[in-house]
Amino acid sequence: MKLKIAVPSKGRISDPSIAILEKAGLGLKDNANRKLISATFNKDIDVMFARASDIPKFVEDEIVDMGITGVDLINESEANVKELVDLSFGQTKLVLASPEDSNINSIDDLTSDMVVATEFPTLTKKYLEEHGLTSKIITLSGSTEIAPLIGIADLITDLTSTGTTLKMNHLKIVDVILESTIKLITNDNSFENKKELVEAVSTSIKGVIEAERKKLVMMNVKKENLDKVKKVMPAMTGPTISEVLSKEETVAVQAVIDEDVVFELVNDLRNAGAKDILVVPIERII
């Protein structure tokens, strides 16, 4: 039985989703033609392209075994799915926003006779009910920001990453309803009956994410300088040291380090006596 993974067919999270699968070793054979279903270089795994908003229900209904989509869409659909991995991209917020010149500055300023426009009616309704409000909700399929400008709504709820689009449309954030990121999800049946493949995919993707901010540092060190190098060398489980065939008593040292310490570390290693230093990207850490 093949494993099917649904990824967004378009939009801001489509390319990063495909990229993380490829880095995890699941390159798409038909990516150039963007067919509905693409084989991968693993004969047991196919990828299906779908709207990001449809993916939670596709996973819940077992049309596919796994999917990549946003927490906002998972919660909006109320799909019964199992979240496996936070993919560490696509961070965004679902916010309540009002016109800049309005007197609505907090949730306490809302009343039930106000109208809210949104692409997320389920999440918006829950949020309003939690605050004792029964405001009318207008569901739009896009361009939510225009609703207050043309007088069909008093407020909106919408996704934002930086708030720039809201500001451009003279809107201000009143409250944050939900913070969202991109998740790898599955359903209970696939998790149980295709466990080996599901875990292989999730483990490989976790390895890609773990490796993103890591580098492999390799160098040659004279044995007389080894203790000084070890003192300045951070590592996940300690540096790996091996003999080098050389006229001098030399060893090869390598370690996995955080990317943000590379600049200072290279200088510290040189001062400690290391030479021939290489800094190499890492594809996956398993």
C-alpha atoms as a PDB file:
ATOM      1  CA  MET A   1       0.000   0.000   0.000  1.00  0.00           C
ATOM      2  CA  LYS A   2       1.385   3.367  -1.027  1.00  0.00           C
ATOM      3  CA  LEU A   3       1.633   6.359   1.271  1.00  0.00           C
ATOM      4  CA  LYS A   4       0.156   9.610  -0.076  1.00  0.00           C
ATOM      5  CA  ILE A   5       1.230  13.031   1.174  1.00  0.00           C
ATOM      6  CA  ALA A   6      -0.803  16.148   0.328  1.00  0.00           C
ATOM      7  CA  VAL A   7       1.050  19.436  -0.151  1.00  0.00           C
ATOM      8  CA  PRO A   8      -0.343  22.868  -1.083  1.00  0.00           C
ATOM      9  CA  SER A   9      -0.658  23.289  -4.843  1.00  0.00           C
ATOM     10  CA  LYS A  10      -0.032  27.032  -4.708  1.00  0.00           C
ATOM     11  CA  GLY A  11       0.394  29.934  -2.325  1.00  0.00           C
ATOM     12  CA  ARG A  12       3.114  31.048   0.049  1.00  0.00           C
ATOM     13  CA  ILE A  13       3.636  27.639   1.675  1.00  0.00           C
ATOM     14  CA  SER A  14       3.690  25.546  -1.514  1.00  0.00           C
ATOM     15  CA  ASP A  15       7.349  25.923  -2.530  1.00  0.00           C
ATOM     16  CA  PRO A  16       8.747  25.594   1.032  1.00  0.00           C
ATOM     17  CA  SER A  17       6.646  22.441   1.513  1.00  0.00           C
ATOM     18  CA  ILE A  18       8.022  20.858  -1.646  1.00  0.00           C
ATOM     19  CA  ALA A  19      11.548  21.948  -0.743  1.00  0.00           C
ATOM     20  CA  ILE A  20      11.438  20.295   2.680  1.00  0.00           C
ATOM     21  CA  LEU A  21      10.212  17.033   1.150  1.00  0.00           C
ATOM     22  CA  GLU A  22      13.036  17.110  -1.371  1.00  0.00           C
ATOM     23  CA  LYS A  23      15.621  17.777   1.335  1.00  0.00           C
ATOM     24  CA  ALA A  24      14.149  14.843   3.251  1.00  0.00           C
ATOM     25  CA  GLY A  25      14.905  12.589   0.262  1.00  0.00           C
ATOM     26  CA  LEU A  26      11.448  12.618  -1.322  1.00  0.00           C
ATOM     27  CA  GLY A  27      12.231  14.344  -4.609  1.00  0.00           C
ATOM     28  CA  LEU A  28       9.250  14.707  -6.939  1.00  0.00           C
ATOM     29  CA  LYS A  29       9.547  13.018 -10.320  1.00  0.00           C
ATOM     30  CA  ASP A  30       6.775  15.129 -11.898  1.00  0.00           C
ATOM     31  CA  ASN A  31       7.342  18.455 -10.164  1.00  0.00           C
ATOM     32  CA  ALA A  32       8.048  20.337 -13.392  1.00  0.00           C
ATOM     33  CA  ASN A  33       4.634  19.473 -14.830  1.00  0.00           C
ATOM     34  CA  ARG A  34       2.888  19.891 -11.452  1.00  0.00           C
ATOM     35  CA  LYS A  35       0.502  17.007 -12.005  1.00  0.00           C
ATOM     36  CA  LEU A  36      -2.248  16.346  -9.478  1.00  0.00           C
ATOM     37  CA  ILE A  37      -0.286  13.371  -8.158  1.00  0.00           C
ATOM     38  CA  SER A  38       3.478  13.017  -8.476  1.00  0.00           C
ATOM     39  CA  ALA A  39       5.593   9.962  -7.838  1.00  0.00           C
ATOM     40  CA  THR A  40       8.669  10.430  -5.664  1.00  0.00           C
ATOM     41  CA  PHE A  41      12.026   8.721  -5.763  1.00  0.00           C
ATOM     42  CA  ASN A  42      10.660   6.397  -3.097  1.00  0.00           C
ATOM     43  CA  LYS A  43       8.468   3.840  -4.886  1.00  0.00           C
ATOM     44  CA  ASP A  44       6.158   3.582  -1.863  1.00  0.00           C
ATOM     45  CA  ILE A  45       5.381   7.302  -1.512  1.00  0.00           C
ATOM     46  CA  ASP A  46       3.395   9.664  -3.764  1.00  0.00           C
ATOM     47  CA  VAL A  47       2.652  13.361  -3.362  1.00  0.00           C
ATOM     48  CA  MET A  48      -0.727  14.912  -4.155  1.00  0.00           C
ATOM     49  CA  PHE A  49      -1.185  18.626  -4.803  1.00  0.00           C
ATOM     50  CA  ALA A  50      -4.269  20.214  -3.219  1.00  0.00           C
ATOM     51  CA  ARG A  51      -5.557  23.494  -1.845  1.00  0.00           C
ATOM     52  CA  ALA A  52      -4.044  24.101   1.574  1.00  0.00           C
ATOM     53  CA  SER A  53      -7.525  24.620   3.028  1.00  0.00           C
ATOM     54  CA  ASP A  54      -8.659  21.194   1.753  1.00  0.00           C
ATOM     55  CA  ILE A  55      -5.712  19.239   3.140  1.00  0.00           C
ATOM     56  CA  PRO A  56      -6.921  18.846   6.764  1.00  0.00           C
ATOM     57  CA  LYS A  57     -10.162  17.201   5.625  1.00  0.00           C
ATOM     58  CA  PHE A  58      -8.341  15.087   3.011  1.00  0.00           C
ATOM     59  CA  VAL A  59      -6.144  13.732   5.805  1.00  0.00           C
ATOM     60  CA  GLU A  60      -9.076  13.231   8.191  1.00  0.00           C
ATOM     61  CA  ASP A  61     -11.099  11.392   5.511  1.00  0.00           C
ATOM     62  CA  GLU A  62      -8.064   9.225   4.601  1.00  0.00           C
ATOM     63  CA  ILE A  63      -7.981  10.440   1.001  1.00  0.00           C
ATOM     64  CA  VAL A  64      -4.294  10.957   1.807  1.00  0.00           C
ATOM     65  CA  ASP A  65      -2.216   9.593   4.666  1.00  0.00           C
ATOM     66  CA  MET A  66      -0.259  12.733   5.522  1.00  0.00           C
ATOM     67  CA  GLY A  67      -0.429  16.417   4.717  1.00  0.00           C
ATOM     68  CA  ILE A  68       1.362  19.734   5.075  1.00  0.00           C
ATOM     69  CA  THR A  69      -0.807  22.716   5.983  1.00  0.00           C
ATOM     70  CA  GLY A  70      -1.280  25.533   8.487  1.00  0.00           C
ATOM     71  CA  VAL A  71      -2.577  25.328  12.052  1.00  0.00           C
ATOM     72  CA  ASP A  72      -5.099  28.035  11.145  1.00  0.00           C
ATOM     73  CA  LEU A  73      -6.596  25.823   8.431  1.00  0.00           C
ATOM     74  CA  ILE A  74      -6.549  22.733  10.640  1.00  0.00           C
ATOM     75  CA  ASN A  75      -8.452  24.551  13.375  1.00  0.00           C
ATOM     76  CA  GLU A  76     -10.833  26.277  10.956  1.00  0.00           C
ATOM     77  CA  SER A  77     -11.800  22.943   9.379  1.00  0.00           C
ATOM     78  CA  GLU A  78     -12.114  21.281  12.813  1.00  0.00           C
ATOM     79  CA  ALA A  79     -10.514  18.208  11.236  1.00  0.00           C
ATOM     80  CA  ASN A  80      -9.600  15.292  13.486  1.00  0.00           C
ATOM     81  CA  VAL A  81      -5.915  14.915  12.605  1.00  0.00           C
ATOM     82  CA  LYS A  82      -2.680  14.082  14.397  1.00  0.00           C
ATOM     83  CA  GLU A  83       0.056  16.748  14.323  1.00  0.00           C
ATOM     84  CA  LEU A  84       3.476  15.154  13.852  1.00  0.00           C
ATOM     85  CA  VAL A  85       6.046  17.882  13.163  1.00  0.00           C
ATOM     86  CA  ASP A  86       6.158  21.670  13.305  1.00  0.00           C
ATOM     87  CA  LEU A  87       7.936  22.558  10.062  1.00  0.00           C
ATOM     88  CA  SER A  88       9.288  25.853  11.435  1.00  0.00           C
ATOM     89  CA  PHE A  89       8.130  28.061   8.560  1.00  0.00           C
ATOM     90  CA  GLY A  90       5.008  29.956   7.547  1.00  0.00           C
ATOM     91  CA  GLN A  91       4.579  31.691  10.891  1.00  0.00           C
ATOM     92  CA  THR A  92       1.523  33.910  10.810  1.00  0.00           C
ATOM     93  CA  LYS A  93      -1.251  35.229  13.053  1.00  0.00           C
ATOM     94  CA  LEU A  94      -5.004  35.384  12.737  1.00  0.00           C
ATOM     95  CA  VAL A  95      -5.883  38.824  14.050  1.00  0.00           C
ATOM     96  CA  LEU A  96      -8.910  40.976  14.714  1.00  0.00           C
ATOM     97  CA  ALA A  97      -8.466  44.345  13.029  1.00  0.00           C
ATOM     98  CA  SER A  98     -10.431  47.596  12.848  1.00  0.00           C
ATOM     99  CA  PRO A  99     -10.085  50.843  10.833  1.00  0.00           C
ATOM    100  CA  GLU A 100      -7.305  53.120  12.078  1.00  0.00           C
ATOM    101  CA  ASP A 101      -9.732  55.983  12.719  1.00  0.00           C
ATOM    102  CA  SER A 102     -12.263  53.855  14.649  1.00  0.00           C
ATOM    103  CA  ASN A 103     -12.753  53.780  18.411  1.00  0.00           C
ATOM    104  CA  ILE A 104     -12.337  50.008  18.467  1.00  0.00           C
ATOM    105  CA  ASN A 105      -8.985  49.471  20.165  1.00  0.00           C
ATOM    106  CA  SER A 106      -9.556  46.282  22.168  1.00  0.00           C
ATOM    107  CA  ILE A 107     -11.964  43.378  22.409  1.00  0.00           C
ATOM    108  CA  ASP A 108     -13.788  45.278  25.151  1.00  0.00           C
ATOM    109  CA  ASP A 109     -14.863  47.864  22.557  1.00  0.00           C
ATOM    110  CA  LEU A 110     -16.787  45.306  20.494  1.00  0.00           C
ATOM    111  CA  THR A 111     -20.552  44.939  20.671  1.00  0.00           C
ATOM    112  CA  SER A 112     -22.842  42.258  19.292  1.00  0.00           C
ATOM    113  CA  ASP A 113     -24.397  44.646  16.766  1.00  0.00           C
ATOM    114  CA  MET A 114     -21.059  45.017  14.945  1.00  0.00           C
ATOM    115  CA  VAL A 115     -20.297  43.100  11.740  1.00  0.00           C
ATOM    116  CA  VAL A 116     -17.076  41.113  11.227  1.00  0.00           C
ATOM    117  CA  ALA A 117     -15.807  40.040   7.785  1.00  0.00           C
ATOM    118  CA  THR A 118     -13.474  37.048   7.520  1.00  0.00           C
ATOM    119  CA  GLU A 119     -12.192  34.032   5.615  1.00  0.00           C
ATOM    120  CA  PHE A 120     -12.227  32.127   8.919  1.00  0.00           C
ATOM    121  CA  PRO A 121     -15.860  32.051  10.119  1.00  0.00           C
ATOM    122  CA  THR A 122     -15.426  29.060  12.449  1.00  0.00           C
ATOM    123  CA  LEU A 123     -12.450  30.477  14.336  1.00  0.00           C
ATOM    124  CA  THR A 124     -14.005  33.946  14.365  1.00  0.00           C
ATOM    125  CA  LYS A 125     -17.302  32.692  15.764  1.00  0.00           C
ATOM    126  CA  LYS A 126     -15.531  30.738  18.512  1.00  0.00           C
ATOM    127  CA  TYR A 127     -13.441  33.764  19.415  1.00  0.00           C
ATOM    128  CA  LEU A 128     -16.471  36.068  19.609  1.00  0.00           C
ATOM    129  CA  GLU A 129     -18.473  33.560  21.643  1.00  0.00           C
ATOM    130  CA  GLU A 130     -15.590  33.227  24.110  1.00  0.00           C
ATOM    131  CA  HIS A 131     -15.991  36.949  24.723  1.00  0.00           C
ATOM    132  CA  GLY A 132     -19.786  36.792  24.998  1.00  0.00           C
ATOM    133  CA  LEU A 133     -20.422  38.330  21.590  1.00  0.00           C
ATOM    134  CA  THR A 134     -22.934  37.315  18.912  1.00  0.00           C
ATOM    135  CA  SER A 135     -21.732  39.717  16.225  1.00  0.00           C
ATOM    136  CA  LYS A 136     -22.789  39.024  12.635  1.00  0.00           C
ATOM    137  CA  ILE A 137     -20.079  37.318  10.555  1.00  0.00           C
ATOM    138  CA  ILE A 138     -19.733  37.828   6.803  1.00  0.00           C
ATOM    139  CA  THR A 139     -17.651  35.156   5.061  1.00  0.00           C
ATOM    140  CA  LEU A 140     -15.446  36.390   2.219  1.00  0.00           C
ATOM    141  CA  SER A 141     -13.145  34.360  -0.029  1.00  0.00           C
ATOM    142  CA  GLY A 142     -10.447  37.007  -0.302  1.00  0.00           C
ATOM    143  CA  SER A 143      -9.566  40.704  -0.050  1.00  0.00           C
ATOM    144  CA  THR A 144     -10.999  40.834   3.451  1.00  0.00           C
ATOM    145  CA  GLU A 145      -9.257  44.156   4.125  1.00  0.00           C
ATOM    146  CA  ILE A 146     -11.642  45.977   1.793  1.00  0.00           C
ATOM    147  CA  ALA A 147     -14.752  45.141   3.847  1.00  0.00           C
ATOM    148  CA  PRO A 148     -14.534  48.097   6.301  1.00  0.00           C
ATOM    149  CA  LEU A 149     -13.547  50.458   3.475  1.00  0.00           C
ATOM    150  CA  ILE A 150     -16.727  49.764   1.504  1.00  0.00           C
ATOM    151  CA  GLY A 151     -18.923  49.745   4.594  1.00  0.00           C
ATOM    152  CA  ILE A 152     -20.010  46.100   4.717  1.00  0.00           C
ATOM    153  CA  ALA A 153     -18.225  45.335   8.010  1.00  0.00           C
ATOM    154  CA  ASP A 154     -16.974  47.135  11.104  1.00  0.00           C
ATOM    155  CA  LEU A 155     -14.009  44.830  11.628  1.00  0.00           C
ATOM    156  CA  ILE A 156     -12.200  41.926  10.013  1.00  0.00           C
ATOM    157  CA  THR A 157     -10.284  38.874  11.089  1.00  0.00           C
ATOM    158  CA  ASP A 158      -7.413  38.037   8.775  1.00  0.00           C
ATOM    159  CA  LEU A 159      -4.008  36.406   8.584  1.00  0.00           C
ATOM    160  CA  THR A 160      -0.941  38.582   8.853  1.00  0.00           C
ATOM    161  CA  SER A 161       2.782  37.969   9.100  1.00  0.00           C
ATOM    162  CA  THR A 162       4.153  41.498   9.398  1.00  0.00           C
ATOM    163  CA  GLY A 163       1.036  43.664   9.538  1.00  0.00           C
ATOM    164  CA  THR A 164       2.147  45.562   6.431  1.00  0.00           C
ATOM    165  CA  THR A 165      -0.964  44.796   4.350  1.00  0.00           C
ATOM    166  CA  LEU A 166      -3.220  45.853   7.209  1.00  0.00           C
ATOM    167  CA  LYS A 167      -1.374  49.163   7.562  1.00  0.00           C
ATOM    168  CA  MET A 168      -1.555  49.743   3.815  1.00  0.00           C
ATOM    169  CA  ASN A 169      -5.328  49.417   4.074  1.00  0.00           C
ATOM    170  CA  HIS A 170      -5.489  51.707   7.131  1.00  0.00           C
ATOM    171  CA  LEU A 171      -6.335  48.921   9.579  1.00  0.00           C
ATOM    172  CA  LYS A 172      -4.978  48.345  13.078  1.00  0.00           C
ATOM    173  CA  ILE A 173      -4.653  45.111  15.032  1.00  0.00           C
ATOM    174  CA  VAL A 174      -7.104  44.903  17.918  1.00  0.00           C
ATOM    175  CA  ASP A 175      -6.288  41.392  19.156  1.00  0.00           C
ATOM    176  CA  VAL A 176      -4.481  38.184  18.172  1.00  0.00           C
ATOM    177  CA  ILE A 177      -6.876  35.259  17.835  1.00  0.00           C
ATOM    178  CA  LEU A 178      -4.440  32.526  16.852  1.00  0.00           C
ATOM    179  CA  GLU A 179      -0.728  32.089  16.149  1.00  0.00           C
ATOM    180  CA  SER A 180      -0.153  29.657  13.324  1.00  0.00           C
ATOM    181  CA  THR A 181       2.686  27.736  11.735  1.00  0.00           C
ATOM    182  CA  ILE A 182       2.947  24.898   9.228  1.00  0.00           C
ATOM    183  CA  LYS A 183       2.496  21.317  10.420  1.00  0.00           C
ATOM    184  CA  LEU A 184       2.993  17.827   9.082  1.00  0.00           C
ATOM    185  CA  ILE A 185      -0.184  15.909   9.925  1.00  0.00           C
ATOM    186  CA  THR A 186      -1.622  12.399   9.625  1.00  0.00           C
ATOM    187  CA  ASN A 187      -4.725  10.476  10.670  1.00  0.00           C
ATOM    188  CA  ASP A 188      -5.023   7.753  13.293  1.00  0.00           C
ATOM    189  CA  ASN A 189      -5.603   4.964  10.786  1.00  0.00           C
ATOM    190  CA  SER A 190      -2.569   5.786   8.635  1.00  0.00           C
ATOM    191  CA  PHE A 191      -0.447   6.305  11.744  1.00  0.00           C
ATOM    192  CA  GLU A 192      -1.365   2.802  12.910  1.00  0.00           C
ATOM    193  CA  ASN A 193      -1.469   0.836   9.645  1.00  0.00           C
ATOM    194  CA  LYS A 194       1.346   2.593   7.755  1.00  0.00           C
ATOM    195  CA  LYS A 195       3.383   3.401  10.826  1.00  0.00           C
ATOM    196  CA  GLU A 196       6.775   2.503   9.348  1.00  0.00           C
ATOM    197  CA  LEU A 197       6.377   4.832   6.353  1.00  0.00           C
ATOM    198  CA  VAL A 198       4.731   7.615   8.374  1.00  0.00           C
ATOM    199  CA  GLU A 199       7.558   7.558  10.904  1.00  0.00           C
ATOM    200  CA  ALA A 200      10.181   7.407   8.137  1.00  0.00           C
ATOM    201  CA  VAL A 201       8.754  10.587   6.568  1.00  0.00           C
ATOM    202  CA  SER A 202       8.393  12.452   9.864  1.00  0.00           C
ATOM    203  CA  THR A 203      11.876  11.401  11.051  1.00  0.00           C
ATOM    204  CA  SER A 204      13.494  12.552   7.794  1.00  0.00           C
ATOM    205  CA  ILE A 205      11.692  15.896   7.938  1.00  0.00           C
ATOM    206  CA  LYS A 206      12.672  16.371  11.582  1.00  0.00           C
ATOM    207  CA  GLY A 207      16.248  15.694  10.503  1.00  0.00           C
ATOM    208  CA  VAL A 208      16.062  18.413   7.847  1.00  0.00           C
ATOM    209  CA  ILE A 209      14.695  20.930  10.348  1.00  0.00           C
ATOM    210  CA  GLU A 210      17.324  20.003  12.935  1.00  0.00           C
ATOM    211  CA  ALA A 211      20.077  20.478  10.341  1.00  0.00           C
ATOM    212  CA  GLU A 212      18.924  23.869   9.061  1.00  0.00           C
ATOM    213  CA  ARG A 213      20.780  25.891  11.700  1.00  0.00           C
ATOM    214  CA  LYS A 214      23.744  23.535  11.990  1.00  0.00           C
ATOM    215  CA  LYS A 215      27.132  23.289  10.282  1.00  0.00           C
ATOM    216  CA  LEU A 216      29.806  20.612  10.186  1.00  0.00           C
ATOM    217  CA  VAL A 217      33.236  22.010  11.046  1.00  0.00           C
ATOM    218  CA  MET A 218      36.306  19.964  10.080  1.00  0.00           C
ATOM    219  CA  MET A 219      39.983  20.780  10.615  1.00  0.00           C
ATOM    220  CA  ASN A 220      43.474  19.397  11.086  1.00  0.00           C
ATOM    221  CA  VAL A 221      45.196  19.898  14.427  1.00  0.00           C
ATOM    222  CA  LYS A 222      48.664  19.077  15.685  1.00  0.00           C
ATOM    223  CA  LYS A 223      48.410  16.771  18.674  1.00  0.00           C
ATOM    224  CA  GLU A 224      50.226  19.300  20.817  1.00  0.00           C
ATOM    225  CA  ASN A 225      47.345  21.774  20.184  1.00  0.00           C
ATOM    226  CA  LEU A 226      44.491  19.289  20.544  1.00  0.00           C
ATOM    227  CA  ASP A 227      43.562  20.169  24.132  1.00  0.00           C
ATOM    228  CA  LYS A 228      43.370  23.877  23.290  1.00  0.00           C
ATOM    229  CA  VAL A 229      41.122  23.164  20.283  1.00  0.00           C
ATOM    230  CA  LYS A 230      38.836  20.884  22.308  1.00  0.00           C
ATOM    231  CA  LYS A 231      38.321  23.640  24.873  1.00  0.00           C
ATOM    232  CA  VAL A 232      36.912  26.050  22.282  1.00  0.00           C
ATOM    233  CA  MET A 233      35.018  23.471  20.214  1.00  0.00           C
ATOM    234  CA  PRO A 234      31.291  23.094  21.006  1.00  0.00           C
ATOM    235  CA  ALA A 235      29.612  19.940  19.746  1.00  0.00           C
ATOM    236  CA  MET A 236      26.404  17.996  20.036  1.00  0.00           C
ATOM    237  CA  THR A 237      28.116  14.968  21.597  1.00  0.00           C
ATOM    238  CA  GLY A 238      31.747  16.048  21.651  1.00  0.00           C
ATOM    239  CA  PRO A 239      34.110  16.389  18.671  1.00  0.00           C
ATOM    240  CA  THR A 240      35.119  13.367  16.584  1.00  0.00           C
ATOM    241  CA  ILE A 241      38.898  12.889  16.438  1.00  0.00           C
ATOM    242  CA  SER A 242      40.807  10.622  14.051  1.00  0.00           C
ATOM    243  CA  GLU A 243      44.448  10.077  13.090  1.00  0.00           C
ATOM    244  CA  VAL A 244      45.885  11.751   9.997  1.00  0.00           C
ATOM    245  CA  LEU A 245      48.658  10.111   7.987  1.00  0.00           C
ATOM    246  CA  SER A 246      51.232  12.882   8.142  1.00  0.00           C
ATOM    247  CA  LYS A 247      54.880  13.488   8.918  1.00  0.00           C
ATOM    248  CA  GLU A 248      53.751  15.573  11.860  1.00  0.00           C
ATOM    249  CA  GLU A 249      51.635  14.136  14.658  1.00  0.00           C
ATOM    250  CA  THR A 250      48.293  15.428  13.424  1.00  0.00           C
ATOM    251  CA  VAL A 251      44.654  14.551  13.997  1.00  0.00           C
ATOM    252  CA  ALA A 252      41.455  15.409  12.110  1.00  0.00           C
ATOM    253  CA  VAL A 253      38.738  16.968  14.245  1.00  0.00           C
ATOM    254  CA  GLN A 254      35.097  17.446  13.289  1.00  0.00           C
ATOM    255  CA  ALA A 255      31.969  18.544  15.104  1.00  0.00           C
ATOM    256  CA  VAL A 256      28.417  19.733  14.464  1.00  0.00           C
ATOM    257  CA  ILE A 257      27.873  23.305  15.672  1.00  0.00           C
ATOM    258  CA  ASP A 258      25.207  25.988  15.644  1.00  0.00           C
ATOM    259  CA  GLU A 259      25.360  28.232  12.585  1.00  0.00           C
ATOM    260  CA  ASP A 260      25.326  31.436  14.638  1.00  0.00           C
ATOM    261  CA  VAL A 261      28.657  30.627  16.345  1.00  0.00           C
ATOM    262  CA  VAL A 262      30.606  29.857  13.153  1.00  0.00           C
ATOM    263  CA  PHE A 263      32.166  33.299  12.668  1.00  0.00           C
ATOM    264  CA  GLU A 264      33.689  33.600  16.131  1.00  0.00           C
ATOM    265  CA  LEU A 265      34.502  29.906  16.419  1.00  0.00           C
ATOM    266  CA  VAL A 266      36.638  29.798  13.267  1.00  0.00           C
ATOM    267  CA  ASN A 267      38.839  32.583  14.622  1.00  0.00           C
ATOM    268  CA  ASP A 268      39.065  30.879  18.031  1.00  0.00           C
ATOM    269  CA  LEU A 269      40.051  27.600  16.363  1.00  0.00           C
ATOM    270  CA  ARG A 270      42.774  29.274  14.319  1.00  0.00           C
ATOM    271  CA  ASN A 271      44.155  30.919  17.430  1.00  0.00           C
ATOM    272  CA  ALA A 272      44.120  27.537  19.179  1.00  0.00           C
ATOM    273  CA  GLY A 273      46.252  25.987  16.425  1.00  0.00           C
ATOM    274  CA  ALA A 274      43.711  24.459  14.021  1.00  0.00           C
ATOM    275  CA  LYS A 275      44.369  24.637  10.273  1.00  0.00           C
ATOM    276  CA  ASP A 276      42.704  23.564   7.017  1.00  0.00           C
ATOM    277  CA  ILE A 277      39.323  24.476   8.558  1.00  0.00           C
ATOM    278  CA  LEU A 278      36.255  23.544   6.535  1.00  0.00           C
ATOM    279  CA  VAL A 279      32.681  24.621   7.269  1.00  0.00           C
ATOM    280  CA  VAL A 280      30.152  22.385   5.526  1.00  0.00           C
ATOM    281  CA  PRO A 281      26.324  22.550   5.349  1.00  0.00           C
ATOM    282  CA  ILE A 282      24.370  19.576   6.718  1.00  0.00           C
ATOM    283  CA  GLU A 283      21.409  18.100   4.886  1.00  0.00           C
ATOM    284  CA  ARG A 284      19.874  16.058   7.704  1.00  0.00           C
ATOM    285  CA  ILE A 285      20.544  15.063  11.307  1.00  0.00           C
ATOM    286  CA  ILE A 286      18.907  11.794  12.305  1.00  0.00           C
END
